[in-house]
Each structure stands twice: as C-alpha cells, then as structure tokens.
Amino acid sequence: MPKEFTRDELKGFDGKNGKPAYFACNGTVYDVSDSTQWSDGEHFGMHPAGIDLTDELGASPHGTEVFEFFPKAGVLKD
C-alpha cells in the first residue's frame, strides 16, 4: 500500500532547509529532491514543492509525461 499524504503533511516536504521536495499532481506524490530543476524546493522559481500542482499543470509547457522520471513517494489523501 502506498504512503498516503494529507495536504498538511505534504507542506512539510517543501525542499527548504534540507527537507525533501515533494509535490502532488493528479493524486500522486512525486519526490523531486534530487532534481536540479527543483533546486531549493522550487521549479524554475515559479512552482513550489510541498503542494498539489494539479491545477497549475495547464500553464506548464509539458504534461505529466515528465513525472515518469521521478520516484513516486505516495498518494495524496483528500
């Protein structure tokens, strides 16, 4: 069974001060801690880690296919 994260728990994975960087999209939580594109918990200074980015995906130049390169940390529990 995958680990379940609440939105409040996800906030603790913001990539700041040595914490892991996670984000959620379409119910899946991804670990982007090792990605150079998520340095200091931000994706190009526009999207922070620690939140659900599902609604922001429409403004992105890419789709969910790029998430396949990141480990899945669990699922977002609503």
C-alpha atoms as a PDB file:
ATOM      1  CA  MET A   1       0.000   0.000   0.000  1.00  0.00           C
ATOM      2  CA  PRO A   2       1.460   3.389  -0.972  1.00  0.00           C
ATOM      3  CA  LYS A   3       2.110   6.015   1.668  1.00  0.00           C
ATOM      4  CA  GLU A   4      -0.747   8.485   1.976  1.00  0.00           C
ATOM      5  CA  PHE A   5      -0.085  12.183   2.459  1.00  0.00           C
ATOM      6  CA  THR A   6      -2.572  14.782   3.591  1.00  0.00           C
ATOM      7  CA  ARG A   7      -2.199  18.296   2.178  1.00  0.00           C
ATOM      8  CA  ASP A   8      -0.864  19.423   5.558  1.00  0.00           C
ATOM      9  CA  GLU A   9       1.731  16.634   5.609  1.00  0.00           C
ATOM     10  CA  LEU A  10       2.769  17.469   2.047  1.00  0.00           C
ATOM     11  CA  LYS A  11       3.582  21.033   3.120  1.00  0.00           C
ATOM     12  CA  GLY A  12       6.418  19.605   5.226  1.00  0.00           C
ATOM     13  CA  PHE A  13       8.195  18.409   2.066  1.00  0.00           C
ATOM     14  CA  ASP A  14       8.938  21.845   0.629  1.00  0.00           C
ATOM     15  CA  GLY A  15      12.623  21.263  -0.153  1.00  0.00           C
ATOM     16  CA  LYS A  16      13.752  24.022   2.210  1.00  0.00           C
ATOM     17  CA  ASN A  17      16.448  23.697   4.880  1.00  0.00           C
ATOM     18  CA  GLY A  18      17.488  20.212   3.814  1.00  0.00           C
ATOM     19  CA  LYS A  19      13.964  18.759   3.715  1.00  0.00           C
ATOM     20  CA  PRO A  20      12.929  16.567   0.780  1.00  0.00           C
ATOM     21  CA  ALA A  21      10.995  18.203  -2.064  1.00  0.00           C
ATOM     22  CA  TYR A  22       7.692  16.557  -2.970  1.00  0.00           C
ATOM     23  CA  PHE A  23       4.723  17.738  -4.972  1.00  0.00           C
ATOM     24  CA  ALA A  24       1.407  16.174  -5.880  1.00  0.00           C
ATOM     25  CA  CYS A  25      -0.322  16.003  -9.245  1.00  0.00           C
ATOM     26  CA  ASN A  26      -3.490  14.106 -10.089  1.00  0.00           C
ATOM     27  CA  GLY A  27      -3.384  12.325  -6.730  1.00  0.00           C
ATOM     28  CA  THR A  28       0.203  11.057  -6.973  1.00  0.00           C
ATOM     29  CA  VAL A  29       3.001  12.486  -4.811  1.00  0.00           C
ATOM     30  CA  TYR A  30       6.377  12.738  -6.538  1.00  0.00           C
ATOM     31  CA  ASP A  31       9.832  13.079  -4.971  1.00  0.00           C
ATOM     32  CA  VAL A  32      11.853  15.698  -6.846  1.00  0.00           C
ATOM     33  CA  SER A  33      14.512  16.105  -4.158  1.00  0.00           C
ATOM     34  CA  ASP A  34      17.344  15.043  -6.474  1.00  0.00           C
ATOM     35  CA  SER A  35      16.226  17.061  -9.490  1.00  0.00           C
ATOM     36  CA  THR A  36      18.351  20.060 -10.479  1.00  0.00           C
ATOM     37  CA  GLN A  37      15.166  21.599 -11.878  1.00  0.00           C
ATOM     38  CA  TRP A  38      13.747  21.733  -8.348  1.00  0.00           C
ATOM     39  CA  SER A  39      16.631  23.398  -6.525  1.00  0.00           C
ATOM     40  CA  ASP A  40      15.747  24.741  -3.079  1.00  0.00           C
ATOM     41  CA  GLY A  41      12.225  23.357  -3.489  1.00  0.00           C
ATOM     42  CA  GLU A  42      11.188  25.495  -6.440  1.00  0.00           C
ATOM     43  CA  HIS A  43      10.719  24.622 -10.089  1.00  0.00           C
ATOM     44  CA  PHE A  44      12.321  27.453 -12.062  1.00  0.00           C
ATOM     45  CA  GLY A  45      11.284  29.874  -9.307  1.00  0.00           C
ATOM     46  CA  MET A  46       7.637  29.549 -10.320  1.00  0.00           C
ATOM     47  CA  HIS A  47       6.239  26.427  -8.629  1.00  0.00           C
ATOM     48  CA  PRO A  48       6.995  25.496  -5.021  1.00  0.00           C
ATOM     49  CA  ALA A  49       7.329  21.986  -3.680  1.00  0.00           C
ATOM     50  CA  GLY A  50       5.089  20.877  -0.850  1.00  0.00           C
ATOM     51  CA  ILE A  51       1.765  21.471  -2.600  1.00  0.00           C
ATOM     52  CA  ASP A  52      -0.655  19.969  -5.088  1.00  0.00           C
ATOM     53  CA  LEU A  53       0.236  21.323  -8.527  1.00  0.00           C
ATOM     54  CA  THR A  54      -2.604  19.666 -10.454  1.00  0.00           C
ATOM     55  CA  ASP A  55      -4.341  22.947 -11.271  1.00  0.00           C
ATOM     56  CA  GLU A  56      -1.068  24.546 -12.401  1.00  0.00           C
ATOM     57  CA  LEU A  57      -0.287  21.859 -14.966  1.00  0.00           C
ATOM     58  CA  GLY A  58      -2.382  23.560 -17.641  1.00  0.00           C
ATOM     59  CA  ALA A  59       0.021  26.518 -17.680  1.00  0.00           C
ATOM     60  CA  SER A  60       3.058  24.250 -17.973  1.00  0.00           C
ATOM     61  CA  PRO A  61       4.953  23.723 -21.245  1.00  0.00           C
ATOM     62  CA  HIS A  62       4.904  19.973 -20.534  1.00  0.00           C
ATOM     63  CA  GLY A  63       2.419  17.353 -19.435  1.00  0.00           C
ATOM     64  CA  THR A  64       2.556  14.616 -16.848  1.00  0.00           C
ATOM     65  CA  GLU A  65       4.903  12.518 -19.007  1.00  0.00           C
ATOM     66  CA  VAL A  66       7.929  14.211 -17.401  1.00  0.00           C
ATOM     67  CA  PHE A  67       6.851  12.963 -13.971  1.00  0.00           C
ATOM     68  CA  GLU A  68       7.731   9.407 -15.008  1.00  0.00           C
ATOM     69  CA  PHE A  69      11.388  10.281 -14.343  1.00  0.00           C
ATOM     70  CA  PHE A  70      10.749  10.967 -10.640  1.00  0.00           C
ATOM     71  CA  PRO A  71      10.200   8.440  -7.860  1.00  0.00           C
ATOM     72  CA  LYS A  72       6.665   8.179  -6.545  1.00  0.00           C
ATOM     73  CA  ALA A  73       6.558   8.960  -2.841  1.00  0.00           C
ATOM     74  CA  GLY A  74       2.915   8.028  -2.361  1.00  0.00           C
ATOM     75  CA  VAL A  75      -0.595   9.327  -2.930  1.00  0.00           C
ATOM     76  CA  LEU A  76      -2.420  12.472  -1.882  1.00  0.00           C
ATOM     77  CA  LYS A  77      -5.222  11.751   0.535  1.00  0.00           C
ATOM     78  CA  ASP A  78      -8.153  14.163   0.411  1.00  0.00           C
END
